[in-house]
Amino acid sequence: MKTLLLLRHAKSSRDDPGLADSDRPLNDRGKDDAKLMGRYLRSRNLVINAVISSPAQRARRTTELFLKAANVSLTPSFDERIYEAGLPRLLTIVAEIDQSHDVVLLVGHNPGFEELLESLTGQYSRLPTAALAKVDLNINQWRDVRPRTGKSDPVVTPKALKN
């Protein structure tokens, strides 16, 4: 059994129209939500073995704030393929995860993350900014990942945690 955590980056700022999309920072709500989701993960006592993030600024910052709030001291790796990735590329990235890792956090973007979640579970779930999905995969090796090999817990959102 392998577990994949999908964290969509937190809310980013669009205040500077001159910035490239990949350089957009988090806004204040995004920073708060990334920390909130990290605290949520810490409360679940789930041990993460590896973190792989998109290199986009909003994903990097989400990862940093999330891990600090979760009290996770792993050094994330940044995979350029996650930025603007669709389902086929994301499945490839998952299949290439080091086999020694049982629980891996991916941080990235929509629509690819929603497509990946739907493919793995066979059910559509919306992933708003800073949402966290936990998918338990019925596989022993990451390279065996295929559509419908997973079962997801309900998606956790900052909005739901605040209510």
N, C-alpha and C. Protein backbone atom coordinates (compact mmCIF):
# COMPACT_ATOMS: atom_id res chain seq x y z
N MET A 1 0.85 -1.18 0.00
CA MET A 1 0.00 0.00 0.00
C MET A 1 0.89 1.24 0.00
N LYS A 2 0.57 2.17 -0.87
CA LYS A 2 1.24 3.47 -0.94
C LYS A 2 0.19 4.55 -0.71
N THR A 3 0.61 5.67 -0.15
CA THR A 3 -0.29 6.79 0.08
C THR A 3 0.25 8.03 -0.60
N LEU A 4 -0.60 8.65 -1.40
CA LEU A 4 -0.26 9.88 -2.11
C LEU A 4 -1.10 11.02 -1.55
N LEU A 5 -0.42 12.06 -1.10
CA LEU A 5 -1.11 13.27 -0.65
C LEU A 5 -0.98 14.31 -1.76
N LEU A 6 -2.10 14.87 -2.17
CA LEU A 6 -2.11 15.92 -3.19
C LEU A 6 -2.50 17.22 -2.52
N LEU A 7 -1.60 18.19 -2.56
CA LEU A 7 -1.86 19.51 -2.00
C LEU A 7 -1.83 20.53 -3.13
N ARG A 8 -2.96 21.14 -3.37
CA ARG A 8 -2.97 22.21 -4.37
C ARG A 8 -2.37 23.45 -3.72
N HIS A 9 -1.60 24.21 -4.48
CA HIS A 9 -0.99 25.42 -3.93
C HIS A 9 -2.07 26.32 -3.34
N ALA A 10 -1.67 27.14 -2.39
CA ALA A 10 -2.60 28.07 -1.75
C ALA A 10 -2.88 29.27 -2.67
N LYS A 11 -3.78 30.11 -2.23
CA LYS A 11 -4.26 31.25 -3.03
C LYS A 11 -3.11 32.22 -3.34
N SER A 12 -2.97 32.52 -4.61
CA SER A 12 -1.89 33.41 -5.03
C SER A 12 -2.40 34.80 -5.36
N SER A 13 -1.48 35.72 -5.42
CA SER A 13 -1.79 37.11 -5.72
C SER A 13 -1.73 37.34 -7.22
N ARG A 14 -2.63 38.16 -7.67
CA ARG A 14 -2.62 38.59 -9.07
C ARG A 14 -2.45 40.12 -9.14
N ASP A 15 -1.88 40.68 -8.07
CA ASP A 15 -1.74 42.14 -7.97
C ASP A 15 -0.76 42.73 -8.97
N ASP A 16 0.23 41.96 -9.38
CA ASP A 16 1.24 42.47 -10.29
C ASP A 16 1.07 41.80 -11.66
N PRO A 17 0.36 42.46 -12.58
CA PRO A 17 0.11 41.83 -13.88
C PRO A 17 1.38 41.64 -14.71
N GLY A 18 2.47 42.26 -14.31
CA GLY A 18 3.72 42.12 -15.04
C GLY A 18 4.50 40.85 -14.69
N LEU A 19 4.09 40.17 -13.63
CA LEU A 19 4.79 38.95 -13.21
C LEU A 19 4.41 37.78 -14.12
N ALA A 20 5.38 36.96 -14.40
CA ALA A 20 5.09 35.71 -15.11
C ALA A 20 4.24 34.83 -14.20
N ASP A 21 3.40 33.99 -14.79
CA ASP A 21 2.52 33.13 -14.00
C ASP A 21 3.30 32.33 -12.97
N SER A 22 4.44 31.80 -13.34
CA SER A 22 5.21 30.96 -12.42
C SER A 22 5.83 31.74 -11.27
N ASP A 23 5.85 33.08 -11.37
CA ASP A 23 6.45 33.91 -10.33
C ASP A 23 5.44 34.52 -9.36
N ARG A 24 4.15 34.21 -9.54
CA ARG A 24 3.14 34.81 -8.66
C ARG A 24 3.31 34.33 -7.22
N PRO A 25 3.31 35.26 -6.26
CA PRO A 25 3.46 34.89 -4.85
C PRO A 25 2.10 34.54 -4.23
N LEU A 26 2.13 34.03 -3.02
CA LEU A 26 0.90 33.81 -2.28
C LEU A 26 0.37 35.14 -1.76
N ASN A 27 -0.95 35.26 -1.67
CA ASN A 27 -1.51 36.42 -0.99
C ASN A 27 -1.63 36.08 0.50
N ASP A 28 -2.12 37.01 1.31
CA ASP A 28 -2.18 36.79 2.75
C ASP A 28 -3.05 35.59 3.11
N ARG A 29 -4.21 35.47 2.45
CA ARG A 29 -5.08 34.33 2.72
C ARG A 29 -4.37 33.03 2.38
N GLY A 30 -3.63 33.01 1.28
CA GLY A 30 -2.90 31.82 0.88
C GLY A 30 -1.87 31.41 1.92
N LYS A 31 -1.15 32.39 2.45
CA LYS A 31 -0.16 32.08 3.49
C LYS A 31 -0.82 31.47 4.72
N ASP A 32 -1.94 32.08 5.14
CA ASP A 32 -2.66 31.57 6.31
C ASP A 32 -3.20 30.16 6.05
N ASP A 33 -3.75 29.95 4.85
CA ASP A 33 -4.33 28.64 4.53
C ASP A 33 -3.26 27.55 4.45
N ALA A 34 -2.10 27.86 3.91
CA ALA A 34 -1.01 26.87 3.84
C ALA A 34 -0.61 26.43 5.25
N LYS A 35 -0.51 27.38 6.16
CA LYS A 35 -0.18 27.07 7.55
C LYS A 35 -1.29 26.24 8.21
N LEU A 36 -2.53 26.62 7.97
CA LEU A 36 -3.67 25.90 8.53
C LEU A 36 -3.68 24.44 8.08
N MET A 37 -3.42 24.23 6.80
CA MET A 37 -3.42 22.86 6.28
C MET A 37 -2.24 22.05 6.84
N GLY A 38 -1.12 22.71 7.06
CA GLY A 38 0.02 22.05 7.70
C GLY A 38 -0.31 21.63 9.12
N ARG A 39 -0.97 22.51 9.86
CA ARG A 39 -1.37 22.17 11.23
C ARG A 39 -2.36 21.00 11.22
N TYR A 40 -3.24 21.00 10.22
CA TYR A 40 -4.18 19.88 10.08
C TYR A 40 -3.41 18.56 9.89
N LEU A 41 -2.43 18.57 8.99
CA LEU A 41 -1.67 17.34 8.75
C LEU A 41 -0.96 16.89 10.03
N ARG A 42 -0.39 17.84 10.75
CA ARG A 42 0.29 17.51 12.01
C ARG A 42 -0.68 16.82 12.97
N SER A 43 -1.92 17.29 13.03
CA SER A 43 -2.92 16.71 13.94
C SER A 43 -3.30 15.29 13.54
N ARG A 44 -3.06 14.92 12.29
CA ARG A 44 -3.41 13.58 11.79
C ARG A 44 -2.30 12.56 12.05
N ASN A 45 -1.14 13.02 12.51
CA ASN A 45 -0.01 12.14 12.83
C ASN A 45 0.38 11.23 11.66
N LEU A 46 0.36 11.78 10.47
CA LEU A 46 0.75 11.02 9.28
C LEU A 46 2.20 11.35 8.95
N VAL A 47 3.02 10.34 8.84
CA VAL A 47 4.45 10.53 8.56
C VAL A 47 4.66 10.54 7.05
N ILE A 48 5.21 11.62 6.54
CA ILE A 48 5.51 11.76 5.12
C ILE A 48 6.96 11.35 4.90
N ASN A 49 7.20 10.59 3.82
CA ASN A 49 8.56 10.15 3.51
C ASN A 49 9.26 11.04 2.49
N ALA A 50 8.48 11.73 1.64
CA ALA A 50 9.08 12.58 0.60
C ALA A 50 8.08 13.65 0.18
N VAL A 51 8.64 14.76 -0.31
CA VAL A 51 7.83 15.88 -0.79
C VAL A 51 8.35 16.27 -2.16
N ILE A 52 7.42 16.34 -3.12
CA ILE A 52 7.77 16.75 -4.48
C ILE A 52 6.83 17.89 -4.85
N SER A 53 7.39 19.01 -5.25
CA SER A 53 6.60 20.20 -5.53
C SER A 53 6.88 20.77 -6.91
N SER A 54 5.90 21.45 -7.41
CA SER A 54 6.10 22.30 -8.58
C SER A 54 7.08 23.40 -8.18
N PRO A 55 7.90 23.86 -9.12
CA PRO A 55 8.83 24.94 -8.80
C PRO A 55 8.21 26.34 -8.87
N ALA A 56 6.95 26.44 -9.26
CA ALA A 56 6.30 27.76 -9.32
C ALA A 56 6.35 28.40 -7.93
N GLN A 57 6.53 29.70 -7.89
CA GLN A 57 6.71 30.40 -6.63
C GLN A 57 5.57 30.12 -5.65
N ARG A 58 4.33 30.13 -6.10
CA ARG A 58 3.20 29.91 -5.20
C ARG A 58 3.20 28.48 -4.64
N ALA A 59 3.67 27.52 -5.40
CA ALA A 59 3.75 26.14 -4.91
C ALA A 59 4.92 25.99 -3.94
N ARG A 60 6.06 26.61 -4.27
CA ARG A 60 7.23 26.57 -3.37
C ARG A 60 6.88 27.13 -2.00
N ARG A 61 6.23 28.29 -1.99
CA ARG A 61 5.90 28.95 -0.72
C ARG A 61 4.84 28.15 0.04
N THR A 62 3.87 27.60 -0.67
CA THR A 62 2.88 26.74 -0.03
C THR A 62 3.58 25.58 0.65
N THR A 63 4.49 24.94 -0.06
CA THR A 63 5.24 23.80 0.47
C THR A 63 6.00 24.20 1.73
N GLU A 64 6.70 25.29 1.65
CA GLU A 64 7.51 25.76 2.79
C GLU A 64 6.64 26.00 4.02
N LEU A 65 5.56 26.77 3.86
CA LEU A 65 4.69 27.10 4.99
C LEU A 65 3.98 25.87 5.53
N PHE A 66 3.52 25.01 4.63
CA PHE A 66 2.82 23.79 5.00
C PHE A 66 3.72 22.88 5.83
N LEU A 67 4.94 22.63 5.34
CA LEU A 67 5.86 21.72 6.03
C LEU A 67 6.26 22.27 7.40
N LYS A 68 6.49 23.57 7.48
CA LYS A 68 6.87 24.17 8.77
C LYS A 68 5.73 24.01 9.77
N ALA A 69 4.50 24.30 9.35
CA ALA A 69 3.35 24.19 10.25
C ALA A 69 3.06 22.74 10.61
N ALA A 70 3.38 21.81 9.71
CA ALA A 70 3.16 20.39 9.96
C ALA A 70 4.28 19.79 10.81
N ASN A 71 5.33 20.56 11.03
CA ASN A 71 6.51 20.11 11.77
C ASN A 71 7.19 18.94 11.04
N VAL A 72 7.26 19.07 9.72
CA VAL A 72 7.91 18.08 8.87
C VAL A 72 9.24 18.66 8.43
N SER A 73 10.34 17.96 8.69
CA SER A 73 11.67 18.51 8.39
C SER A 73 12.31 17.87 7.16
N LEU A 74 11.50 17.54 6.17
CA LEU A 74 12.03 17.00 4.92
C LEU A 74 12.42 18.13 3.98
N THR A 75 13.40 17.89 3.15
CA THR A 75 13.76 18.84 2.11
C THR A 75 12.99 18.45 0.85
N PRO A 76 12.13 19.34 0.36
CA PRO A 76 11.35 18.99 -0.83
C PRO A 76 12.21 18.97 -2.08
N SER A 77 11.81 18.16 -3.03
CA SER A 77 12.42 18.24 -4.35
C SER A 77 11.44 18.98 -5.24
N PHE A 78 11.97 19.69 -6.22
CA PHE A 78 11.14 20.49 -7.12
C PHE A 78 11.25 19.91 -8.52
N ASP A 79 10.10 19.55 -9.07
CA ASP A 79 10.05 18.89 -10.37
C ASP A 79 9.32 19.81 -11.34
N GLU A 80 10.07 20.33 -12.31
CA GLU A 80 9.49 21.25 -13.29
C GLU A 80 8.33 20.65 -14.06
N ARG A 81 8.30 19.34 -14.16
CA ARG A 81 7.23 18.68 -14.91
C ARG A 81 5.87 18.86 -14.27
N ILE A 82 5.82 19.16 -12.97
CA ILE A 82 4.53 19.33 -12.29
C ILE A 82 3.83 20.61 -12.75
N TYR A 83 4.61 21.64 -13.02
CA TYR A 83 4.02 22.92 -13.44
C TYR A 83 3.30 22.72 -14.78
N GLU A 84 2.03 23.05 -14.80
CA GLU A 84 1.17 22.92 -15.99
C GLU A 84 1.02 21.48 -16.47
N ALA A 85 1.23 20.51 -15.58
CA ALA A 85 1.15 19.10 -15.97
C ALA A 85 -0.30 18.64 -16.10
N GLY A 86 -0.53 17.81 -17.10
CA GLY A 86 -1.80 17.12 -17.25
C GLY A 86 -1.68 15.73 -16.67
N LEU A 87 -2.75 14.98 -16.81
CA LEU A 87 -2.83 13.64 -16.22
C LEU A 87 -1.69 12.71 -16.64
N PRO A 88 -1.39 12.55 -17.93
CA PRO A 88 -0.33 11.60 -18.30
C PRO A 88 1.01 11.91 -17.63
N ARG A 89 1.38 13.18 -17.61
CA ARG A 89 2.66 13.55 -17.00
C ARG A 89 2.65 13.31 -15.49
N LEU A 90 1.53 13.63 -14.84
CA LEU A 90 1.45 13.42 -13.39
C LEU A 90 1.51 11.93 -13.05
N LEU A 91 0.88 11.09 -13.84
CA LEU A 91 0.97 9.65 -13.61
C LEU A 91 2.41 9.16 -13.77
N THR A 92 3.12 9.73 -14.73
CA THR A 92 4.53 9.37 -14.91
C THR A 92 5.36 9.78 -13.70
N ILE A 93 5.13 10.98 -13.20
CA ILE A 93 5.85 11.47 -12.03
C ILE A 93 5.61 10.56 -10.83
N VAL A 94 4.34 10.18 -10.61
CA VAL A 94 4.01 9.29 -9.49
C VAL A 94 4.69 7.93 -9.68
N ALA A 95 4.66 7.41 -10.89
CA ALA A 95 5.26 6.10 -11.16
C ALA A 95 6.77 6.10 -10.93
N GLU A 96 7.40 7.25 -10.98
CA GLU A 96 8.85 7.37 -10.80
C GLU A 96 9.28 7.64 -9.36
N ILE A 97 8.33 7.73 -8.44
CA ILE A 97 8.68 7.97 -7.04
C ILE A 97 9.54 6.82 -6.52
N ASP A 98 10.52 7.15 -5.72
CA ASP A 98 11.40 6.15 -5.12
C ASP A 98 10.57 5.11 -4.37
N GLN A 99 10.82 3.84 -4.69
CA GLN A 99 10.02 2.75 -4.13
C GLN A 99 10.12 2.64 -2.61
N SER A 100 11.15 3.20 -2.02
CA SER A 100 11.31 3.11 -0.57
C SER A 100 10.36 4.04 0.18
N HIS A 101 9.74 4.97 -0.51
CA HIS A 101 8.81 5.91 0.13
C HIS A 101 7.39 5.34 0.10
N ASP A 102 6.75 5.33 1.25
CA ASP A 102 5.38 4.84 1.33
C ASP A 102 4.34 5.96 1.31
N VAL A 103 4.69 7.14 1.85
CA VAL A 103 3.76 8.27 1.91
C VAL A 103 4.45 9.48 1.30
N VAL A 104 3.89 9.98 0.20
CA VAL A 104 4.52 11.08 -0.54
C VAL A 104 3.53 12.21 -0.73
N LEU A 105 4.02 13.43 -0.52
CA LEU A 105 3.24 14.65 -0.74
C LEU A 105 3.65 15.27 -2.06
N LEU A 106 2.66 15.48 -2.94
CA LEU A 106 2.87 16.24 -4.18
C LEU A 106 2.18 17.58 -4.01
N VAL A 107 2.86 18.65 -4.40
CA VAL A 107 2.28 19.99 -4.33
C VAL A 107 2.25 20.56 -5.73
N GLY A 108 1.08 20.99 -6.17
CA GLY A 108 0.99 21.48 -7.54
C GLY A 108 -0.29 22.22 -7.85
N HIS A 109 -0.78 21.99 -9.05
CA HIS A 109 -1.77 22.88 -9.66
C HIS A 109 -2.97 22.13 -10.25
N ASN A 110 -4.02 22.87 -10.42
CA ASN A 110 -5.17 22.42 -11.21
C ASN A 110 -4.97 22.92 -12.63
N PRO A 111 -5.61 22.31 -13.59
CA PRO A 111 -6.58 21.22 -13.48
C PRO A 111 -5.94 19.84 -13.33
N GLY A 112 -4.63 19.75 -13.47
CA GLY A 112 -3.96 18.45 -13.44
C GLY A 112 -4.20 17.66 -12.17
N PHE A 113 -4.18 18.32 -11.01
CA PHE A 113 -4.36 17.59 -9.76
C PHE A 113 -5.77 17.02 -9.64
N GLU A 114 -6.77 17.78 -10.08
CA GLU A 114 -8.14 17.25 -10.07
C GLU A 114 -8.26 16.06 -11.02
N GLU A 115 -7.60 16.14 -12.17
CA GLU A 115 -7.63 15.04 -13.13
C GLU A 115 -6.94 13.80 -12.55
N LEU A 116 -5.81 14.00 -11.87
CA LEU A 116 -5.10 12.88 -11.25
C LEU A 116 -5.95 12.23 -10.17
N LEU A 117 -6.54 13.03 -9.32
CA LEU A 117 -7.37 12.50 -8.24
C LEU A 117 -8.55 11.70 -8.81
N GLU A 118 -9.19 12.24 -9.83
CA GLU A 118 -10.31 11.53 -10.44
C GLU A 118 -9.86 10.23 -11.09
N SER A 119 -8.72 10.26 -11.77
CA SER A 119 -8.21 9.06 -12.42
C SER A 119 -7.89 7.97 -11.40
N LEU A 120 -7.22 8.35 -10.32
CA LEU A 120 -6.81 7.37 -9.33
C LEU A 120 -7.97 6.75 -8.57
N THR A 121 -9.03 7.53 -8.37
CA THR A 121 -10.14 7.07 -7.52
C THR A 121 -11.41 6.73 -8.30
N GLY A 122 -11.51 7.22 -9.53
CA GLY A 122 -12.73 7.00 -10.30
C GLY A 122 -13.85 7.95 -9.91
N GLN A 123 -13.55 8.93 -9.05
CA GLN A 123 -14.56 9.89 -8.63
C GLN A 123 -13.99 11.31 -8.70
N TYR A 124 -14.82 12.23 -9.20
CA TYR A 124 -14.40 13.62 -9.27
C TYR A 124 -14.52 14.28 -7.90
N SER A 125 -13.50 15.01 -7.52
CA SER A 125 -13.51 15.84 -6.32
C SER A 125 -12.89 17.17 -6.67
N ARG A 126 -13.51 18.24 -6.25
CA ARG A 126 -12.99 19.58 -6.49
C ARG A 126 -11.81 19.81 -5.53
N LEU A 127 -10.75 20.45 -6.06
CA LEU A 127 -9.60 20.82 -5.24
C LEU A 127 -9.41 22.33 -5.29
N PRO A 128 -10.08 23.07 -4.40
CA PRO A 128 -9.83 24.50 -4.36
C PRO A 128 -8.43 24.78 -3.83
N THR A 129 -8.00 26.01 -3.84
CA THR A 129 -6.65 26.33 -3.39
C THR A 129 -6.44 25.83 -1.96
N ALA A 130 -5.25 25.29 -1.73
CA ALA A 130 -4.79 24.75 -0.44
C ALA A 130 -5.54 23.50 0.00
N ALA A 131 -6.33 22.90 -0.87
CA ALA A 131 -7.04 21.66 -0.53
C ALA A 131 -6.04 20.51 -0.47
N LEU A 132 -6.34 19.55 0.40
CA LEU A 132 -5.49 18.38 0.59
C LEU A 132 -6.32 17.12 0.37
N ALA A 133 -5.82 16.27 -0.52
CA ALA A 133 -6.47 14.98 -0.78
C ALA A 133 -5.51 13.88 -0.38
N LYS A 134 -6.02 12.86 0.29
CA LYS A 134 -5.23 11.69 0.68
C LYS A 134 -5.77 10.50 -0.10
N VAL A 135 -4.89 9.90 -0.89
CA VAL A 135 -5.28 8.76 -1.71
C VAL A 135 -4.46 7.54 -1.28
N ASP A 136 -5.17 6.53 -0.79
CA ASP A 136 -4.53 5.26 -0.48
C ASP A 136 -4.56 4.41 -1.73
N LEU A 137 -3.40 4.02 -2.20
CA LEU A 137 -3.27 3.28 -3.45
C LEU A 137 -3.07 1.79 -3.17
N ASN A 138 -3.83 0.99 -3.83
CA ASN A 138 -3.75 -0.47 -3.66
C ASN A 138 -2.63 -1.02 -4.55
N ILE A 139 -1.43 -0.56 -4.28
CA ILE A 139 -0.24 -0.98 -5.03
C ILE A 139 0.90 -1.16 -4.03
N ASN A 140 1.88 -1.97 -4.41
CA ASN A 140 3.06 -2.16 -3.57
C ASN A 140 4.25 -1.35 -4.06
N GLN A 141 4.20 -0.96 -5.34
CA GLN A 141 5.29 -0.19 -5.94
C GLN A 141 4.68 0.98 -6.72
N TRP A 142 5.31 2.13 -6.61
CA TRP A 142 4.79 3.32 -7.30
C TRP A 142 4.67 3.08 -8.80
N ARG A 143 5.58 2.34 -9.37
CA ARG A 143 5.53 2.11 -10.81
C ARG A 143 4.28 1.37 -11.26
N ASP A 144 3.55 0.78 -10.31
CA ASP A 144 2.32 0.06 -10.63
C ASP A 144 1.07 0.96 -10.59
N VAL A 145 1.27 2.25 -10.39
CA VAL A 145 0.12 3.15 -10.30
C VAL A 145 -0.65 3.14 -11.63
N ARG A 146 -1.95 3.04 -11.53
CA ARG A 146 -2.84 3.02 -12.68
C ARG A 146 -4.15 3.71 -12.30
N PRO A 147 -4.94 4.11 -13.27
CA PRO A 147 -6.27 4.63 -12.94
C PRO A 147 -7.07 3.64 -12.09
N ARG A 148 -7.81 4.19 -11.17
CA ARG A 148 -8.72 3.43 -10.29
C ARG A 148 -8.01 2.45 -9.37
N THR A 149 -6.77 2.75 -9.01
CA THR A 149 -6.07 1.90 -8.04
C THR A 149 -6.12 2.52 -6.65
N GLY A 150 -6.83 3.64 -6.50
CA GLY A 150 -6.83 4.33 -5.22
C GLY A 150 -8.21 4.58 -4.66
N LYS A 151 -8.20 4.89 -3.38
CA LYS A 151 -9.41 5.29 -2.65
C LYS A 151 -9.05 6.54 -1.87
N SER A 152 -9.89 7.55 -1.99
CA SER A 152 -9.60 8.83 -1.37
C SER A 152 -10.46 9.05 -0.13
N ASP A 153 -9.83 9.61 0.89
CA ASP A 153 -10.59 10.17 2.00
C ASP A 153 -11.26 11.43 1.47
N PRO A 154 -12.26 11.96 2.17
CA PRO A 154 -12.83 13.24 1.72
C PRO A 154 -11.75 14.32 1.64
N VAL A 155 -11.83 15.14 0.61
CA VAL A 155 -10.88 16.25 0.45
C VAL A 155 -11.06 17.23 1.61
N VAL A 156 -9.95 17.68 2.16
CA VAL A 156 -9.97 18.65 3.27
C VAL A 156 -9.60 20.01 2.70
N THR A 157 -10.41 21.01 3.03
CA THR A 157 -10.18 22.37 2.53
C THR A 157 -10.00 23.32 3.71
N PRO A 158 -9.30 24.44 3.48
CA PRO A 158 -9.20 25.44 4.54
C PRO A 158 -10.57 25.94 5.00
N LYS A 159 -11.48 26.11 4.05
CA LYS A 159 -12.81 26.61 4.38
C LYS A 159 -13.51 25.66 5.36
N ALA A 160 -13.41 24.36 5.10
CA ALA A 160 -14.06 23.39 5.99
C ALA A 160 -13.42 23.41 7.38
N LEU A 161 -12.11 23.57 7.45
CA LEU A 161 -11.44 23.59 8.75
C LEU A 161 -11.78 24.85 9.54
N LYS A 162 -12.07 25.94 8.84
CA LYS A 162 -12.41 27.19 9.52
C LYS A 162 -13.84 27.18 10.04
N ASN A 163 -14.70 26.35 9.44
CA ASN A 163 -16.12 26.30 9.86
C ASN A 163 -16.33 25.38 11.04
